[in-house]
Amino acid sequence: MPTAVCPECHEEVFVDADTEQGDVVNCDECGSDLVVVGLDPIEVDLRSDEDDERDDDGFDDGYGYDDDSY
């Protein structure tokens, strides 16, 4: 199973082999939500509020809506 290092507590975070860039994983040690930012090697970064504003397709629509029905 691939691993990355949590930027918050520096512990090893296990990531599923089929994880894609942009997926959110959780650090079992400190509980931080992490976003996968690199795949080869696996890299994670702390999830920010900006990540919450992104659409399901991973792109920021600029309006803060969760769908395209505006």
PDB file of N, CA and C in Angstrom:
ATOM      1  N   MET A   1       0.852  -1.179   0.000  1.00  0.00           N
ATOM      2  CA  MET A   1       0.000   0.000   0.000  1.00  0.00           C
ATOM      3  C   MET A   1       0.895   1.239   0.000  1.00  0.00           C
ATOM      4  N   PRO A   2       0.648   2.180  -0.922  1.00  0.00           N
ATOM      5  CA  PRO A   2       1.468   3.398  -0.979  1.00  0.00           C
ATOM      6  C   PRO A   2       1.292   4.249   0.280  1.00  0.00           C
ATOM      7  N   THR A   3       2.326   4.997   0.599  1.00  0.00           N
ATOM      8  CA  THR A   3       2.267   5.877   1.764  1.00  0.00           C
ATOM      9  C   THR A   3       2.764   7.266   1.403  1.00  0.00           C
ATOM     10  N   ALA A   4       2.381   8.216   2.228  1.00  0.00           N
ATOM     11  CA  ALA A   4       2.847   9.602   2.137  1.00  0.00           C
ATOM     12  C   ALA A   4       3.137  10.056   3.559  1.00  0.00           C
ATOM     13  N   VAL A   5       3.684  11.240   3.700  1.00  0.00           N
ATOM     14  CA  VAL A   5       3.982  11.788   5.022  1.00  0.00           C
ATOM     15  C   VAL A   5       3.025  12.935   5.314  1.00  0.00           C
ATOM     16  N   CYS A   6       2.366  12.875   6.455  1.00  0.00           N
ATOM     17  CA  CYS A   6       1.436  13.933   6.865  1.00  0.00           C
ATOM     18  C   CYS A   6       2.224  15.215   7.141  1.00  0.00           C
ATOM     19  N   PRO A   7       1.855  16.330   6.503  1.00  0.00           N
ATOM     20  CA  PRO A   7       2.569  17.583   6.737  1.00  0.00           C
ATOM     21  C   PRO A   7       2.310  18.186   8.124  1.00  0.00           C
ATOM     22  N   GLU A   8       1.282  17.689   8.805  1.00  0.00           N
ATOM     23  CA  GLU A   8       0.942  18.215  10.126  1.00  0.00           C
ATOM     24  C   GLU A   8       1.724  17.518  11.235  1.00  0.00           C
ATOM     25  N   CYS A   9       1.720  16.178  11.241  1.00  0.00           N
ATOM     26  CA  CYS A   9       2.344  15.440  12.342  1.00  0.00           C
ATOM     27  C   CYS A   9       3.559  14.613  11.902  1.00  0.00           C
ATOM     28  N   HIS A  10       3.817  14.588  10.601  1.00  0.00           N
ATOM     29  CA  HIS A  10       4.977  13.904  10.011  1.00  0.00           C
ATOM     30  C   HIS A  10       4.932  12.384  10.164  1.00  0.00           C
ATOM     31  N   GLU A  11       3.741  11.850  10.388  1.00  0.00           N
ATOM     32  CA  GLU A  11       3.568  10.397  10.451  1.00  0.00           C
ATOM     33  C   GLU A  11       3.211   9.865   9.070  1.00  0.00           C
ATOM     34  N   GLU A  12       3.365   8.561   8.907  1.00  0.00           N
ATOM     35  CA  GLU A  12       3.068   7.906   7.644  1.00  0.00           C
ATOM     36  C   GLU A  12       1.549   7.811   7.448  1.00  0.00           C
ATOM     37  N   VAL A  13       1.096   8.155   6.245  1.00  0.00           N
ATOM     38  CA  VAL A  13      -0.320   8.073   5.890  1.00  0.00           C
ATOM     39  C   VAL A  13      -0.454   7.036   4.786  1.00  0.00           C
ATOM     40  N   PHE A  14      -1.313   6.053   5.001  1.00  0.00           N
ATOM     41  CA  PHE A  14      -1.530   5.011   4.004  1.00  0.00           C
ATOM     42  C   PHE A  14      -2.583   5.479   3.006  1.00  0.00           C
ATOM     43  N   VAL A  15      -2.279   5.282   1.720  1.00  0.00           N
ATOM     44  CA  VAL A  15      -3.143   5.736   0.639  1.00  0.00           C
ATOM     45  C   VAL A  15      -3.477   4.528  -0.236  1.00  0.00           C
ATOM     46  N   ASP A  16      -4.744   4.374  -0.607  1.00  0.00           N
ATOM     47  CA  ASP A  16      -5.134   3.271  -1.487  1.00  0.00           C
ATOM     48  C   ASP A  16      -4.408   3.363  -2.814  1.00  0.00           C
ATOM     49  N   ALA A  17      -4.118   2.219  -3.406  1.00  0.00           N
ATOM     50  CA  ALA A  17      -3.388   2.167  -4.677  1.00  0.00           C
ATOM     51  C   ALA A  17      -4.161   2.829  -5.811  1.00  0.00           C
ATOM     52  N   ASP A  18      -5.496   2.869  -5.728  1.00  0.00           N
ATOM     53  CA  ASP A  18      -6.296   3.473  -6.790  1.00  0.00           C
ATOM     54  C   ASP A  18      -6.649   4.939  -6.517  1.00  0.00           C
ATOM     55  N   THR A  19      -6.013   5.545  -5.527  1.00  0.00           N
ATOM     56  CA  THR A  19      -6.246   6.952  -5.205  1.00  0.00           C
ATOM     57  C   THR A  19      -5.797   7.841  -6.362  1.00  0.00           C
ATOM     58  N   GLU A  20      -6.591   8.883  -6.627  1.00  0.00           N
ATOM     59  CA  GLU A  20      -6.282   9.818  -7.705  1.00  0.00           C
ATOM     60  C   GLU A  20      -5.927  11.181  -7.125  1.00  0.00           C
ATOM     61  N   GLN A  21      -5.256  11.990  -7.927  1.00  0.00           N
ATOM     62  CA  GLN A  21      -4.916  13.339  -7.509  1.00  0.00           C
ATOM     63  C   GLN A  21      -6.205  14.100  -7.225  1.00  0.00           C
ATOM     64  N   GLY A  22      -6.232  14.821  -6.104  1.00  0.00           N
ATOM     65  CA  GLY A  22      -7.416  15.573  -5.694  1.00  0.00           C
ATOM     66  C   GLY A  22      -8.273  14.840  -4.676  1.00  0.00           C
ATOM     67  N   ASP A  23      -8.047  13.536  -4.492  1.00  0.00           N
ATOM     68  CA  ASP A  23      -8.798  12.779  -3.493  1.00  0.00           C
ATOM     69  C   ASP A  23      -8.404  13.240  -2.088  1.00  0.00           C
ATOM     70  N   VAL A  24      -9.326  13.102  -1.167  1.00  0.00           N
ATOM     71  CA  VAL A  24      -9.081  13.474   0.228  1.00  0.00           C
ATOM     72  C   VAL A  24      -8.858  12.208   1.038  1.00  0.00           C
ATOM     73  N   VAL A  25      -7.804  12.212   1.833  1.00  0.00           N
ATOM     74  CA  VAL A  25      -7.498  11.117   2.743  1.00  0.00           C
ATOM     75  C   VAL A  25      -7.374  11.693   4.150  1.00  0.00           C
ATOM     76  N   ASN A  26      -7.400  10.820   5.141  1.00  0.00           N
ATOM     77  CA  ASN A  26      -7.350  11.248   6.533  1.00  0.00           C
ATOM     78  C   ASN A  26      -6.128  10.654   7.207  1.00  0.00           C
ATOM     79  N   CYS A  27      -5.433  11.475   7.995  1.00  0.00           N
ATOM     80  CA  CYS A  27      -4.303  10.991   8.772  1.00  0.00           C
ATOM     81  C   CYS A  27      -4.848  10.321  10.035  1.00  0.00           C
ATOM     82  N   ASP A  28      -4.557   9.033  10.194  1.00  0.00           N
ATOM     83  CA  ASP A  28      -5.036   8.297  11.365  1.00  0.00           C
ATOM     84  C   ASP A  28      -4.410   8.805  12.657  1.00  0.00           C
ATOM     85  N   GLU A  29      -3.209   9.358  12.584  1.00  0.00           N
ATOM     86  CA  GLU A  29      -2.487   9.805  13.780  1.00  0.00           C
ATOM     87  C   GLU A  29      -3.045  11.113  14.345  1.00  0.00           C
ATOM     88  N   CYS A  30      -3.180  12.146  13.499  1.00  0.00           N
ATOM     89  CA  CYS A  30      -3.603  13.464  14.013  1.00  0.00           C
ATOM     90  C   CYS A  30      -5.011  13.863  13.566  1.00  0.00           C
ATOM     91  N   GLY A  31      -5.610  13.102  12.637  1.00  0.00           N
ATOM     92  CA  GLY A  31      -6.975  13.385  12.200  1.00  0.00           C
ATOM     93  C   GLY A  31      -7.092  14.442  11.120  1.00  0.00           C
ATOM     94  N   SER A  32      -5.974  14.932  10.602  1.00  0.00           N
ATOM     95  CA  SER A  32      -6.015  15.971   9.569  1.00  0.00           C
ATOM     96  C   SER A  32      -6.600  15.435   8.273  1.00  0.00           C
ATOM     97  N   ASP A  33      -7.414  16.274   7.604  1.00  0.00           N
ATOM     98  CA  ASP A  33      -7.873  15.969   6.259  1.00  0.00           C
ATOM     99  C   ASP A  33      -6.780  16.409   5.295  1.00  0.00           C
ATOM    100  N   LEU A  34      -6.395  15.514   4.398  1.00  0.00           N
ATOM    101  CA  LEU A  34      -5.299  15.768   3.475  1.00  0.00           C
ATOM    102  C   LEU A  34      -5.776  15.551   2.055  1.00  0.00           C
ATOM    103  N   VAL A  35      -5.275  16.353   1.150  1.00  0.00           N
ATOM    104  CA  VAL A  35      -5.617  16.201  -0.257  1.00  0.00           C
ATOM    105  C   VAL A  35      -4.397  15.658  -0.993  1.00  0.00           C
ATOM    106  N   VAL A  36      -4.613  14.701  -1.884  1.00  0.00           N
ATOM    107  CA  VAL A  36      -3.523  14.117  -2.657  1.00  0.00           C
ATOM    108  C   VAL A  36      -3.131  15.107  -3.745  1.00  0.00           C
ATOM    109  N   VAL A  37      -1.870  15.563  -3.716  1.00  0.00           N
ATOM    110  CA  VAL A  37      -1.399  16.560  -4.684  1.00  0.00           C
ATOM    111  C   VAL A  37      -0.388  15.989  -5.665  1.00  0.00           C
ATOM    112  N   GLY A  38       0.083  14.785  -5.425  1.00  0.00           N
ATOM    113  CA  GLY A  38       1.038  14.144  -6.328  1.00  0.00           C
ATOM    114  C   GLY A  38       0.877  12.639  -6.261  1.00  0.00           C
ATOM    115  N   LEU A  39       1.173  11.967  -7.386  1.00  0.00           N
ATOM    116  CA  LEU A  39       0.966  10.523  -7.448  1.00  0.00           C
ATOM    117  C   LEU A  39       2.250   9.712  -7.552  1.00  0.00           C
ATOM    118  N   ASP A  40       3.317  10.292  -8.065  1.00  0.00           N
ATOM    119  CA  ASP A  40       4.547   9.516  -8.267  1.00  0.00           C
ATOM    120  C   ASP A  40       5.752  10.369  -7.908  1.00  0.00           C
ATOM    121  N   PRO A  41       6.111  10.436  -6.655  1.00  0.00           N
ATOM    122  CA  PRO A  41       5.602   9.696  -5.498  1.00  0.00           C
ATOM    123  C   PRO A  41       4.316  10.309  -4.954  1.00  0.00           C
ATOM    124  N   ILE A  42       3.641   9.554  -4.088  1.00  0.00           N
ATOM    125  CA  ILE A  42       2.422  10.049  -3.451  1.00  0.00           C
ATOM    126  C   ILE A  42       2.790  11.218  -2.548  1.00  0.00           C
ATOM    127  N   GLU A  43       2.101  12.351  -2.748  1.00  0.00           N
ATOM    128  CA  GLU A  43       2.303  13.528  -1.900  1.00  0.00           C
ATOM    129  C   GLU A  43       0.942  14.039  -1.458  1.00  0.00           C
ATOM    130  N   VAL A  44       0.863  14.478  -0.206  1.00  0.00           N
ATOM    131  CA  VAL A  44      -0.371  15.027   0.335  1.00  0.00           C
ATOM    132  C   VAL A  44      -0.091  16.393   0.949  1.00  0.00           C
ATOM    133  N   ASP A  45      -1.145  17.204   1.015  1.00  0.00           N
ATOM    134  CA  ASP A  45      -1.057  18.524   1.637  1.00  0.00           C
ATOM    135  C   ASP A  45      -2.305  18.708   2.481  1.00  0.00           C
ATOM    136  N   LEU A  46      -2.241  19.609   3.441  1.00  0.00           N
ATOM    137  CA  LEU A  46      -3.401  19.879   4.280  1.00  0.00           C
ATOM    138  C   LEU A  46      -4.549  20.383   3.417  1.00  0.00           C
ATOM    139  N   ARG A  47      -5.740  19.896   3.691  1.00  0.00           N
ATOM    140  CA  ARG A  47      -6.933  20.338   2.964  1.00  0.00           C
ATOM    141  C   ARG A  47      -7.293  21.731   3.456  1.00  0.00           C
ATOM    142  N   SER A  48      -7.550  22.624   2.531  1.00  0.00           N
ATOM    143  CA  SER A  48      -7.874  24.008   2.895  1.00  0.00           C
ATOM    144  C   SER A  48      -9.352  24.285   2.666  1.00  0.00           C
ATOM    145  N   ASP A  49      -9.818  25.444   3.137  1.00  0.00           N
ATOM    146  CA  ASP A  49     -11.197  25.865   2.907  1.00  0.00           C
ATOM    147  C   ASP A  49     -11.465  26.013   1.414  1.00  0.00           C
ATOM    148  N   GLU A  50     -10.446  26.403   0.657  1.00  0.00           N
ATOM    149  CA  GLU A  50     -10.585  26.558  -0.791  1.00  0.00           C
ATOM    150  C   GLU A  50     -10.958  25.227  -1.446  1.00  0.00           C
ATOM    151  N   ASP A  51     -10.440  24.122  -0.918  1.00  0.00           N
ATOM    152  CA  ASP A  51     -10.768  22.805  -1.446  1.00  0.00           C
ATOM    153  C   ASP A  51     -12.261  22.516  -1.297  1.00  0.00           C
ATOM    154  N   ASP A  52     -12.894  23.048  -0.233  1.00  0.00           N
ATOM    155  CA  ASP A  52     -14.318  22.830   0.002  1.00  0.00           C
ATOM    156  C   ASP A  52     -15.181  23.563  -1.020  1.00  0.00           C
ATOM    157  N   GLU A  53     -14.658  24.618  -1.663  1.00  0.00           N
ATOM    158  CA  GLU A  53     -15.418  25.411  -2.617  1.00  0.00           C
ATOM    159  C   GLU A  53     -15.373  24.851  -4.025  1.00  0.00           C
ATOM    160  N   ARG A  54     -14.640  23.800  -4.239  1.00  0.00           N
ATOM    161  CA  ARG A  54     -14.512  23.221  -5.573  1.00  0.00           C
ATOM    162  C   ARG A  54     -15.720  22.354  -5.914  1.00  0.00           C
ATOM    163  N   ASP A  55     -16.078  22.325  -7.184  1.00  0.00           N
ATOM    164  CA  ASP A  55     -17.159  21.466  -7.673  1.00  0.00           C
ATOM    165  C   ASP A  55     -16.766  20.012  -7.556  1.00  0.00           C
ATOM    166  N   ASP A  56     -17.712  19.129  -7.809  1.00  0.00           N
ATOM    167  CA  ASP A  56     -17.432  17.699  -7.824  1.00  0.00           C
ATOM    168  C   ASP A  56     -16.411  17.339  -8.889  1.00  0.00           C
ATOM    169  N   ASP A  57     -16.316  18.160  -9.947  1.00  0.00           N
ATOM    170  CA  ASP A  57     -15.353  17.878 -11.011  1.00  0.00           C
ATOM    171  C   ASP A  57     -13.960  18.393 -10.665  1.00  0.00           C
ATOM    172  N   GLY A  58     -13.806  19.026  -9.483  1.00  0.00           N
ATOM    173  CA  GLY A  58     -12.498  19.470  -9.029  1.00  0.00           C
ATOM    174  C   GLY A  58     -12.122  20.872  -9.445  1.00  0.00           C
ATOM    175  N   PHE A  59     -13.033  21.570 -10.149  1.00  0.00           N
ATOM    176  CA  PHE A  59     -12.719  22.915 -10.596  1.00  0.00           C
ATOM    177  C   PHE A  59     -13.546  23.933  -9.831  1.00  0.00           C
ATOM    178  N   ASP A  60     -12.928  25.030  -9.486  1.00  0.00           N
ATOM    179  CA  ASP A  60     -13.601  26.121  -8.799  1.00  0.00           C
ATOM    180  C   ASP A  60     -14.439  26.878  -9.811  1.00  0.00           C
ATOM    181  N   ASP A  61     -15.768  26.960  -9.585  1.00  0.00           N
ATOM    182  CA  ASP A  61     -16.625  27.649 -10.538  1.00  0.00           C
ATOM    183  C   ASP A  61     -16.612  29.160 -10.348  1.00  0.00           C
ATOM    184  N   GLY A  62     -15.953  29.636  -9.301  1.00  0.00           N
ATOM    185  CA  GLY A  62     -15.840  31.068  -9.060  1.00  0.00           C
ATOM    186  C   GLY A  62     -17.037  31.675  -8.375  1.00  0.00           C
ATOM    187  N   TYR A  63     -18.108  30.920  -8.229  1.00  0.00           N
ATOM    188  CA  TYR A  63     -19.320  31.438  -7.627  1.00  0.00           C
ATOM    189  C   TYR A  63     -19.647  30.786  -6.293  1.00  0.00           C
ATOM    190  N   GLY A  64     -18.953  29.728  -5.943  1.00  0.00           N
ATOM    191  CA  GLY A  64     -19.207  29.046  -4.688  1.00  0.00           C
ATOM    192  C   GLY A  64     -20.373  28.095  -4.736  1.00  0.00           C
ATOM    193  N   TYR A  65     -20.942  27.867  -5.934  1.00  0.00           N
ATOM    194  CA  TYR A  65     -22.039  26.917  -6.069  1.00  0.00           C
ATOM    195  C   TYR A  65     -21.508  25.504  -6.149  1.00  0.00           C
ATOM    196  N   ASP A  66     -22.324  24.550  -5.705  1.00  0.00           N
ATOM    197  CA  ASP A  66     -21.919  23.153  -5.762  1.00  0.00           C
ATOM    198  C   ASP A  66     -22.376  22.473  -7.031  1.00  0.00           C
ATOM    199  N   ASP A  67     -23.177  23.159  -7.861  1.00  0.00           N
ATOM    200  CA  ASP A  67     -23.601  22.547  -9.113  1.00  0.00           C
ATOM    201  C   ASP A  67     -23.593  23.605 -10.216  1.00  0.00           C
ATOM    202  N   ASP A  68     -23.930  23.209 -11.409  1.00  0.00           N
ATOM    203  CA  ASP A  68     -23.871  24.119 -12.555  1.00  0.00           C
ATOM    204  C   ASP A  68     -25.234  24.649 -12.935  1.00  0.00           C
ATOM    205  N   SER A  69     -26.182  24.672 -12.034  1.00  0.00           N
ATOM    206  CA  SER A  69     -27.546  25.087 -12.354  1.00  0.00           C
ATOM    207  C   SER A  69     -27.801  26.555 -12.012  1.00  0.00           C
ATOM    208  N   TYR A  70     -26.926  27.433 -12.422  1.00  0.00           N
ATOM    209  CA  TYR A  70     -27.122  28.864 -12.158  1.00  0.00           C
ATOM    210  C   TYR A  70     -27.383  29.626 -13.377  1.00  0.00           C
TER     211      TYR A  70
END
